[in-house]
Amino acid sequence: MEKVTFQPLKALLKENAGNLNQILASFQAGGRRLNTHDIPAWFKEVIEPVFVAIHSHNETAAPKVFDALFSDMLAALS
């Protein structure tokens, strides 16, 4: 996720990269319509601003919000 710049979010993405990479690889192999190259931009434009706002408001809640957003995204992709 080279487009994401907020360090706490980058750390969480790095921790969860295996799950995301596995789902994205299955999409690419299966010929599904999702353009997996758009995922980093989606994280930058949608997830990062939400995460930064939550982190600024309540730093301890930010990882929980990330988990919910990330889990929902993985469920939607799979």
N, C-alpha and C. Protein backbone atom coordinates (compact mmCIF):
# COMPACT_ATOMS: atom_id res chain seq x y z
N MET A 1 0.83 -1.18 0.00
CA MET A 1 0.00 0.00 0.00
C MET A 1 0.88 1.25 0.00
N GLU A 2 1.64 1.39 -1.04
CA GLU A 2 2.58 2.50 -1.14
C GLU A 2 1.92 3.86 -1.17
N LYS A 3 0.64 3.94 -1.50
CA LYS A 3 -0.03 5.23 -1.58
C LYS A 3 -0.45 5.76 -0.22
N VAL A 4 -0.66 4.88 0.74
CA VAL A 4 -1.06 5.28 2.09
C VAL A 4 0.15 5.89 2.78
N THR A 5 -0.03 7.05 3.43
CA THR A 5 1.10 7.73 4.06
C THR A 5 1.02 7.78 5.58
N PHE A 6 -0.14 7.58 6.15
CA PHE A 6 -0.30 7.69 7.60
C PHE A 6 0.31 6.45 8.26
N GLN A 7 1.37 6.66 9.02
CA GLN A 7 2.18 5.55 9.53
C GLN A 7 1.39 4.51 10.34
N PRO A 8 0.51 4.90 11.26
CA PRO A 8 -0.23 3.86 11.99
C PRO A 8 -1.08 2.98 11.07
N LEU A 9 -1.65 3.56 10.02
CA LEU A 9 -2.42 2.77 9.06
C LEU A 9 -1.50 1.88 8.24
N LYS A 10 -0.36 2.40 7.83
CA LYS A 10 0.60 1.59 7.08
C LYS A 10 1.02 0.37 7.90
N ALA A 11 1.22 0.56 9.19
CA ALA A 11 1.64 -0.56 10.05
C ALA A 11 0.55 -1.64 10.11
N LEU A 12 -0.71 -1.21 10.24
CA LEU A 12 -1.81 -2.18 10.27
C LEU A 12 -1.96 -2.90 8.93
N LEU A 13 -1.79 -2.17 7.85
CA LEU A 13 -1.87 -2.80 6.53
C LEU A 13 -0.75 -3.82 6.34
N LYS A 14 0.43 -3.47 6.84
CA LYS A 14 1.57 -4.38 6.73
C LYS A 14 1.30 -5.66 7.52
N GLU A 15 0.71 -5.52 8.71
CA GLU A 15 0.38 -6.69 9.53
C GLU A 15 -0.64 -7.60 8.85
N ASN A 16 -1.52 -7.01 8.07
CA ASN A 16 -2.62 -7.75 7.44
C ASN A 16 -2.40 -8.00 5.95
N ALA A 17 -1.21 -7.76 5.47
CA ALA A 17 -0.93 -7.88 4.04
C ALA A 17 -1.15 -9.29 3.51
N GLY A 18 -0.85 -10.29 4.29
CA GLY A 18 -1.01 -11.67 3.83
C GLY A 18 -2.44 -11.99 3.44
N ASN A 19 -3.38 -11.61 4.29
CA ASN A 19 -4.80 -11.86 4.00
C ASN A 19 -5.24 -11.13 2.74
N LEU A 20 -4.86 -9.87 2.64
CA LEU A 20 -5.26 -9.08 1.48
C LEU A 20 -4.62 -9.64 0.21
N ASN A 21 -3.35 -9.96 0.26
CA ASN A 21 -2.66 -10.48 -0.92
C ASN A 21 -3.27 -11.80 -1.38
N GLN A 22 -3.67 -12.64 -0.46
CA GLN A 22 -4.29 -13.91 -0.81
C GLN A 22 -5.61 -13.70 -1.55
N ILE A 23 -6.43 -12.79 -1.05
CA ILE A 23 -7.71 -12.50 -1.70
C ILE A 23 -7.49 -11.89 -3.08
N LEU A 24 -6.57 -10.94 -3.16
CA LEU A 24 -6.30 -10.28 -4.45
C LEU A 24 -5.77 -11.28 -5.47
N ALA A 25 -4.89 -12.19 -5.04
CA ALA A 25 -4.36 -13.20 -5.96
C ALA A 25 -5.47 -14.11 -6.47
N SER A 26 -6.41 -14.45 -5.61
CA SER A 26 -7.51 -15.31 -6.06
C SER A 26 -8.40 -14.57 -7.07
N PHE A 27 -8.54 -13.26 -6.90
CA PHE A 27 -9.31 -12.48 -7.86
C PHE A 27 -8.60 -12.44 -9.20
N GLN A 28 -7.30 -12.21 -9.18
CA GLN A 28 -6.55 -12.13 -10.43
C GLN A 28 -6.54 -13.47 -11.14
N ALA A 29 -6.42 -14.56 -10.41
CA ALA A 29 -6.39 -15.89 -11.00
C ALA A 29 -7.76 -16.31 -11.53
N GLY A 30 -8.81 -15.82 -10.89
CA GLY A 30 -10.16 -16.22 -11.27
C GLY A 30 -10.78 -15.40 -12.38
N GLY A 31 -10.09 -14.38 -12.85
CA GLY A 31 -10.62 -13.56 -13.92
C GLY A 31 -11.84 -12.75 -13.55
N ARG A 32 -12.00 -12.43 -12.29
CA ARG A 32 -13.16 -11.65 -11.86
C ARG A 32 -13.02 -10.21 -12.32
N ARG A 33 -14.11 -9.48 -12.25
CA ARG A 33 -14.16 -8.12 -12.79
C ARG A 33 -13.42 -7.08 -11.96
N LEU A 34 -13.18 -7.34 -10.71
CA LEU A 34 -12.54 -6.36 -9.85
C LEU A 34 -11.15 -6.00 -10.37
N ASN A 35 -10.89 -4.73 -10.49
CA ASN A 35 -9.56 -4.27 -10.88
C ASN A 35 -8.73 -4.13 -9.60
N THR A 36 -7.93 -5.12 -9.33
CA THR A 36 -7.17 -5.14 -8.08
C THR A 36 -6.14 -4.02 -8.00
N HIS A 37 -5.83 -3.41 -9.11
CA HIS A 37 -4.87 -2.30 -9.09
C HIS A 37 -5.49 -1.03 -8.51
N ASP A 38 -6.81 -1.00 -8.39
CA ASP A 38 -7.49 0.15 -7.81
C ASP A 38 -7.56 0.10 -6.28
N ILE A 39 -7.24 -1.04 -5.70
CA ILE A 39 -7.34 -1.20 -4.24
C ILE A 39 -6.45 -0.21 -3.49
N PRO A 40 -5.17 -0.01 -3.87
CA PRO A 40 -4.35 0.98 -3.13
C PRO A 40 -4.94 2.39 -3.17
N ALA A 41 -5.48 2.79 -4.31
CA ALA A 41 -6.08 4.12 -4.40
C ALA A 41 -7.31 4.20 -3.51
N TRP A 42 -8.07 3.11 -3.44
CA TRP A 42 -9.26 3.07 -2.58
C TRP A 42 -8.86 3.23 -1.13
N PHE A 43 -7.78 2.57 -0.71
CA PHE A 43 -7.29 2.74 0.66
C PHE A 43 -6.89 4.18 0.91
N LYS A 44 -6.23 4.80 -0.05
CA LYS A 44 -5.77 6.18 0.10
C LYS A 44 -6.94 7.16 0.16
N GLU A 45 -7.91 6.98 -0.71
CA GLU A 45 -9.00 7.95 -0.83
C GLU A 45 -10.14 7.73 0.16
N VAL A 46 -10.36 6.49 0.57
CA VAL A 46 -11.52 6.19 1.41
C VAL A 46 -11.12 5.81 2.84
N ILE A 47 -10.26 4.83 2.95
CA ILE A 47 -9.92 4.30 4.28
C ILE A 47 -9.01 5.25 5.06
N GLU A 48 -7.98 5.79 4.41
CA GLU A 48 -7.02 6.62 5.14
C GLU A 48 -7.68 7.84 5.80
N PRO A 49 -8.52 8.62 5.12
CA PRO A 49 -9.14 9.77 5.80
C PRO A 49 -10.00 9.37 7.00
N VAL A 50 -10.73 8.27 6.86
CA VAL A 50 -11.55 7.80 7.98
C VAL A 50 -10.65 7.38 9.13
N PHE A 51 -9.61 6.62 8.83
CA PHE A 51 -8.71 6.15 9.87
C PHE A 51 -8.00 7.31 10.56
N VAL A 52 -7.54 8.28 9.81
CA VAL A 52 -6.85 9.45 10.39
C VAL A 52 -7.80 10.20 11.33
N ALA A 53 -9.04 10.39 10.91
CA ALA A 53 -10.01 11.10 11.75
C ALA A 53 -10.27 10.33 13.04
N ILE A 54 -10.46 9.02 12.94
CA ILE A 54 -10.69 8.21 14.14
C ILE A 54 -9.45 8.25 15.03
N HIS A 55 -8.29 8.09 14.43
CA HIS A 55 -7.03 8.07 15.19
C HIS A 55 -6.82 9.40 15.91
N SER A 56 -7.17 10.51 15.26
CA SER A 56 -7.02 11.83 15.88
C SER A 56 -7.99 12.00 17.05
N HIS A 57 -9.15 11.41 16.92
CA HIS A 57 -10.17 11.53 17.96
C HIS A 57 -9.94 10.56 19.12
N ASN A 58 -9.61 9.31 18.79
CA ASN A 58 -9.43 8.27 19.81
C ASN A 58 -8.44 7.24 19.29
N GLU A 59 -7.19 7.43 19.62
CA GLU A 59 -6.11 6.61 19.11
C GLU A 59 -6.30 5.12 19.43
N THR A 60 -6.85 4.82 20.59
CA THR A 60 -7.00 3.41 20.97
C THR A 60 -8.14 2.73 20.20
N ALA A 61 -9.09 3.50 19.70
CA ALA A 61 -10.20 2.92 18.93
C ALA A 61 -9.82 2.70 17.47
N ALA A 62 -8.80 3.38 16.99
CA ALA A 62 -8.44 3.31 15.58
C ALA A 62 -8.16 1.88 15.09
N PRO A 63 -7.41 1.07 15.80
CA PRO A 63 -7.20 -0.31 15.32
C PRO A 63 -8.49 -1.12 15.23
N LYS A 64 -9.42 -0.88 16.14
CA LYS A 64 -10.70 -1.60 16.09
C LYS A 64 -11.50 -1.19 14.85
N VAL A 65 -11.47 0.10 14.53
CA VAL A 65 -12.16 0.58 13.33
C VAL A 65 -11.49 -0.01 12.10
N PHE A 66 -10.17 -0.03 12.09
CA PHE A 66 -9.45 -0.65 10.97
C PHE A 66 -9.88 -2.10 10.81
N ASP A 67 -9.90 -2.85 11.90
CA ASP A 67 -10.28 -4.26 11.83
C ASP A 67 -11.66 -4.43 11.21
N ALA A 68 -12.59 -3.59 11.61
CA ALA A 68 -13.95 -3.68 11.06
C ALA A 68 -13.97 -3.35 9.57
N LEU A 69 -13.32 -2.26 9.19
CA LEU A 69 -13.29 -1.88 7.78
C LEU A 69 -12.56 -2.92 6.94
N PHE A 70 -11.45 -3.41 7.45
CA PHE A 70 -10.64 -4.38 6.71
C PHE A 70 -11.38 -5.71 6.57
N SER A 71 -12.00 -6.15 7.66
CA SER A 71 -12.76 -7.41 7.62
C SER A 71 -13.93 -7.32 6.64
N ASP A 72 -14.64 -6.20 6.67
CA ASP A 72 -15.75 -6.00 5.74
C ASP A 72 -15.26 -5.98 4.30
N MET A 73 -14.12 -5.33 4.07
CA MET A 73 -13.59 -5.28 2.72
C MET A 73 -13.19 -6.67 2.24
N LEU A 74 -12.54 -7.45 3.09
CA LEU A 74 -12.15 -8.81 2.71
C LEU A 74 -13.39 -9.67 2.43
N ALA A 75 -14.40 -9.51 3.24
CA ALA A 75 -15.64 -10.27 3.03
C ALA A 75 -16.28 -9.87 1.70
N ALA A 76 -16.25 -8.59 1.37
CA ALA A 76 -16.84 -8.14 0.11
C ALA A 76 -16.04 -8.65 -1.09
N LEU A 77 -14.74 -8.78 -0.93
CA LEU A 77 -13.90 -9.24 -2.03
C LEU A 77 -13.97 -10.74 -2.24
N SER A 78 -14.24 -11.48 -1.16
CA SER A 78 -14.18 -12.94 -1.28
C SER A 78 -15.50 -13.57 -1.61
